[in-house]
Amino acid sequence: MSQINYENMTDAELKQYFLKHRNNKSALQAYLDRLNQNPREVIANPNDSNFDEKIQAAILKKLQNKEISN
């Protein structure tokens, strides 16, 4: 069996590979390492007085970025 190079996979490819090979511990570790390398931005705190506005602005920004990339 050939060695899989997780480094050459995109985030989406690595996720799909792991989902198809759930018993592969090295794939799980590579996926978790990748997730930890890319920390997620905190958009809003549940206690923010303008929580809804921050969430709506983040969604709009994501949609605009997607339109630009297409």
N, C-alpha and C. Protein backbone atom coordinates (compact mmCIF):
# COMPACT_ATOMS: atom_id res chain seq x y z
N MET A 1 0.85 -1.19 0.00
CA MET A 1 0.00 0.00 0.00
C MET A 1 0.89 1.24 0.00
N SER A 2 0.58 2.20 -0.86
CA SER A 2 1.40 3.39 -0.95
C SER A 2 1.07 4.37 0.17
N GLN A 3 2.05 5.19 0.51
CA GLN A 3 1.88 6.17 1.58
C GLN A 3 1.08 7.36 1.05
N ILE A 4 0.08 7.79 1.80
CA ILE A 4 -0.75 8.93 1.42
C ILE A 4 -0.06 10.21 1.87
N ASN A 5 0.01 11.19 0.97
CA ASN A 5 0.61 12.48 1.31
C ASN A 5 -0.50 13.48 1.63
N TYR A 6 -0.78 13.64 2.91
CA TYR A 6 -1.85 14.54 3.34
C TYR A 6 -1.48 16.00 3.11
N GLU A 7 -0.19 16.29 3.09
CA GLU A 7 0.28 17.67 2.91
C GLU A 7 -0.16 18.24 1.55
N ASN A 8 -0.23 17.38 0.54
CA ASN A 8 -0.59 17.85 -0.80
C ASN A 8 -2.09 17.99 -1.00
N MET A 9 -2.88 17.55 -0.03
CA MET A 9 -4.34 17.65 -0.14
C MET A 9 -4.81 19.02 0.33
N THR A 10 -5.85 19.51 -0.33
CA THR A 10 -6.50 20.72 0.16
C THR A 10 -7.26 20.37 1.44
N ASP A 11 -7.74 21.37 2.14
CA ASP A 11 -8.53 21.12 3.36
C ASP A 11 -9.75 20.27 3.02
N ALA A 12 -10.42 20.60 1.94
CA ALA A 12 -11.63 19.87 1.54
C ALA A 12 -11.31 18.43 1.16
N GLU A 13 -10.22 18.23 0.44
CA GLU A 13 -9.81 16.88 0.05
C GLU A 13 -9.45 16.04 1.27
N LEU A 14 -8.73 16.64 2.21
CA LEU A 14 -8.35 15.92 3.41
C LEU A 14 -9.57 15.53 4.22
N LYS A 15 -10.52 16.44 4.32
CA LYS A 15 -11.76 16.15 5.05
C LYS A 15 -12.50 14.99 4.39
N GLN A 16 -12.64 15.04 3.08
CA GLN A 16 -13.35 13.97 2.37
C GLN A 16 -12.61 12.64 2.51
N TYR A 17 -11.28 12.69 2.43
CA TYR A 17 -10.50 11.47 2.59
C TYR A 17 -10.73 10.86 3.97
N PHE A 18 -10.67 11.71 5.00
CA PHE A 18 -10.89 11.21 6.35
C PHE A 18 -12.30 10.63 6.51
N LEU A 19 -13.29 11.32 5.96
CA LEU A 19 -14.67 10.83 6.08
C LEU A 19 -14.86 9.47 5.40
N LYS A 20 -14.11 9.22 4.34
CA LYS A 20 -14.20 7.94 3.64
C LYS A 20 -13.36 6.85 4.31
N HIS A 21 -12.38 7.28 5.13
CA HIS A 21 -11.46 6.33 5.78
C HIS A 21 -11.43 6.60 7.29
N ARG A 22 -12.59 6.48 7.91
CA ARG A 22 -12.72 6.85 9.32
C ARG A 22 -11.86 6.02 10.27
N ASN A 23 -11.44 4.84 9.87
CA ASN A 23 -10.61 4.01 10.73
C ASN A 23 -9.12 4.31 10.58
N ASN A 24 -8.77 5.20 9.68
CA ASN A 24 -7.38 5.55 9.42
C ASN A 24 -6.95 6.61 10.44
N LYS A 25 -6.19 6.18 11.44
CA LYS A 25 -5.78 7.09 12.52
C LYS A 25 -4.84 8.18 12.03
N SER A 26 -3.99 7.87 11.07
CA SER A 26 -3.09 8.90 10.56
C SER A 26 -3.86 9.97 9.78
N ALA A 27 -4.93 9.58 9.09
CA ALA A 27 -5.77 10.56 8.40
C ALA A 27 -6.48 11.45 9.41
N LEU A 28 -6.97 10.85 10.48
CA LEU A 28 -7.61 11.64 11.55
C LEU A 28 -6.62 12.64 12.13
N GLN A 29 -5.41 12.18 12.43
CA GLN A 29 -4.41 13.07 13.03
C GLN A 29 -4.05 14.19 12.08
N ALA A 30 -3.89 13.88 10.80
CA ALA A 30 -3.58 14.91 9.80
C ALA A 30 -4.71 15.93 9.71
N TYR A 31 -5.95 15.45 9.76
CA TYR A 31 -7.11 16.35 9.69
C TYR A 31 -7.17 17.25 10.92
N LEU A 32 -6.96 16.67 12.10
CA LEU A 32 -6.99 17.47 13.33
C LEU A 32 -5.84 18.48 13.36
N ASP A 33 -4.67 18.07 12.91
CA ASP A 33 -3.53 18.99 12.83
C ASP A 33 -3.84 20.16 11.91
N ARG A 34 -4.46 19.86 10.79
CA ARG A 34 -4.82 20.91 9.83
C ARG A 34 -5.83 21.87 10.44
N LEU A 35 -6.82 21.35 11.14
CA LEU A 35 -7.81 22.22 11.78
C LEU A 35 -7.16 23.14 12.80
N ASN A 36 -6.21 22.61 13.56
CA ASN A 36 -5.55 23.41 14.59
C ASN A 36 -4.59 24.44 14.00
N GLN A 37 -4.12 24.23 12.79
CA GLN A 37 -3.24 25.20 12.13
C GLN A 37 -4.00 26.43 11.67
N ASN A 38 -5.28 26.26 11.42
CA ASN A 38 -6.10 27.35 10.90
C ASN A 38 -7.18 27.73 11.92
N PRO A 39 -6.81 28.53 12.91
CA PRO A 39 -7.82 28.88 13.92
C PRO A 39 -8.97 29.67 13.31
N ARG A 40 -10.13 29.42 13.84
CA ARG A 40 -11.33 30.10 13.34
C ARG A 40 -11.48 31.47 14.00
N GLU A 41 -11.97 32.42 13.23
CA GLU A 41 -12.22 33.76 13.73
C GLU A 41 -13.50 33.75 14.55
N VAL A 42 -13.47 34.38 15.71
CA VAL A 42 -14.67 34.52 16.53
C VAL A 42 -15.42 35.73 16.02
N ILE A 43 -16.62 35.49 15.51
CA ILE A 43 -17.41 36.56 14.90
C ILE A 43 -18.15 37.36 15.96
N ALA A 44 -18.78 36.67 16.89
CA ALA A 44 -19.58 37.34 17.91
C ALA A 44 -19.65 36.47 19.15
N ASN A 45 -19.87 37.11 20.23
CA ASN A 45 -20.06 36.46 21.51
C ASN A 45 -21.55 36.43 21.81
N PRO A 46 -22.08 35.36 22.38
CA PRO A 46 -23.52 35.33 22.67
C PRO A 46 -23.99 36.49 23.55
N ASN A 47 -23.09 37.08 24.31
CA ASN A 47 -23.46 38.19 25.19
C ASN A 47 -23.37 39.56 24.53
N ASP A 48 -22.91 39.61 23.27
CA ASP A 48 -22.83 40.88 22.56
C ASP A 48 -24.22 41.47 22.37
N SER A 49 -24.32 42.76 22.61
CA SER A 49 -25.62 43.42 22.42
C SER A 49 -26.02 43.47 20.95
N ASN A 50 -25.04 43.45 20.05
CA ASN A 50 -25.33 43.47 18.61
C ASN A 50 -24.96 42.14 17.95
N PHE A 51 -25.26 41.06 18.63
CA PHE A 51 -24.95 39.70 18.16
C PHE A 51 -25.53 39.45 16.77
N ASP A 52 -26.82 39.72 16.60
CA ASP A 52 -27.48 39.46 15.31
C ASP A 52 -26.84 40.23 14.17
N GLU A 53 -26.52 41.50 14.41
CA GLU A 53 -25.91 42.31 13.35
C GLU A 53 -24.54 41.77 12.95
N LYS A 54 -23.76 41.32 13.93
CA LYS A 54 -22.43 40.78 13.64
C LYS A 54 -22.55 39.49 12.82
N ILE A 55 -23.50 38.64 13.16
CA ILE A 55 -23.68 37.39 12.43
C ILE A 55 -24.13 37.68 11.00
N GLN A 56 -25.08 38.59 10.85
CA GLN A 56 -25.57 38.94 9.51
C GLN A 56 -24.46 39.55 8.66
N ALA A 57 -23.63 40.40 9.26
CA ALA A 57 -22.52 41.01 8.53
C ALA A 57 -21.51 39.94 8.10
N ALA A 58 -21.24 38.98 8.95
CA ALA A 58 -20.29 37.91 8.62
C ALA A 58 -20.83 37.03 7.49
N ILE A 59 -22.12 36.74 7.51
CA ILE A 59 -22.73 35.95 6.44
C ILE A 59 -22.66 36.71 5.12
N LEU A 60 -23.00 37.99 5.15
CA LEU A 60 -22.96 38.82 3.95
C LEU A 60 -21.54 38.88 3.39
N LYS A 61 -20.56 39.06 4.26
CA LYS A 61 -19.16 39.10 3.82
C LYS A 61 -18.75 37.80 3.16
N LYS A 62 -19.15 36.68 3.76
CA LYS A 62 -18.81 35.37 3.19
C LYS A 62 -19.46 35.19 1.82
N LEU A 63 -20.71 35.59 1.68
CA LEU A 63 -21.40 35.50 0.39
C LEU A 63 -20.74 36.38 -0.67
N GLN A 64 -20.33 37.59 -0.28
CA GLN A 64 -19.66 38.50 -1.20
C GLN A 64 -18.32 37.93 -1.64
N ASN A 65 -17.58 37.37 -0.71
CA ASN A 65 -16.28 36.77 -1.04
C ASN A 65 -16.46 35.59 -1.99
N LYS A 66 -17.53 34.82 -1.80
CA LYS A 66 -17.79 33.68 -2.67
C LYS A 66 -18.13 34.15 -4.08
N GLU A 67 -18.91 35.24 -4.19
CA GLU A 67 -19.26 35.79 -5.50
C GLU A 67 -18.02 36.30 -6.22
N ILE A 68 -17.11 36.93 -5.47
CA ILE A 68 -15.89 37.47 -6.06
C ILE A 68 -15.01 36.34 -6.57
N SER A 69 -14.93 35.25 -5.81
CA SER A 69 -14.05 34.14 -6.20
C SER A 69 -14.62 33.33 -7.37
N ASN A 70 -15.93 33.43 -7.61
CA ASN A 70 -16.53 32.72 -8.74
C ASN A 70 -16.41 33.58 -9.94
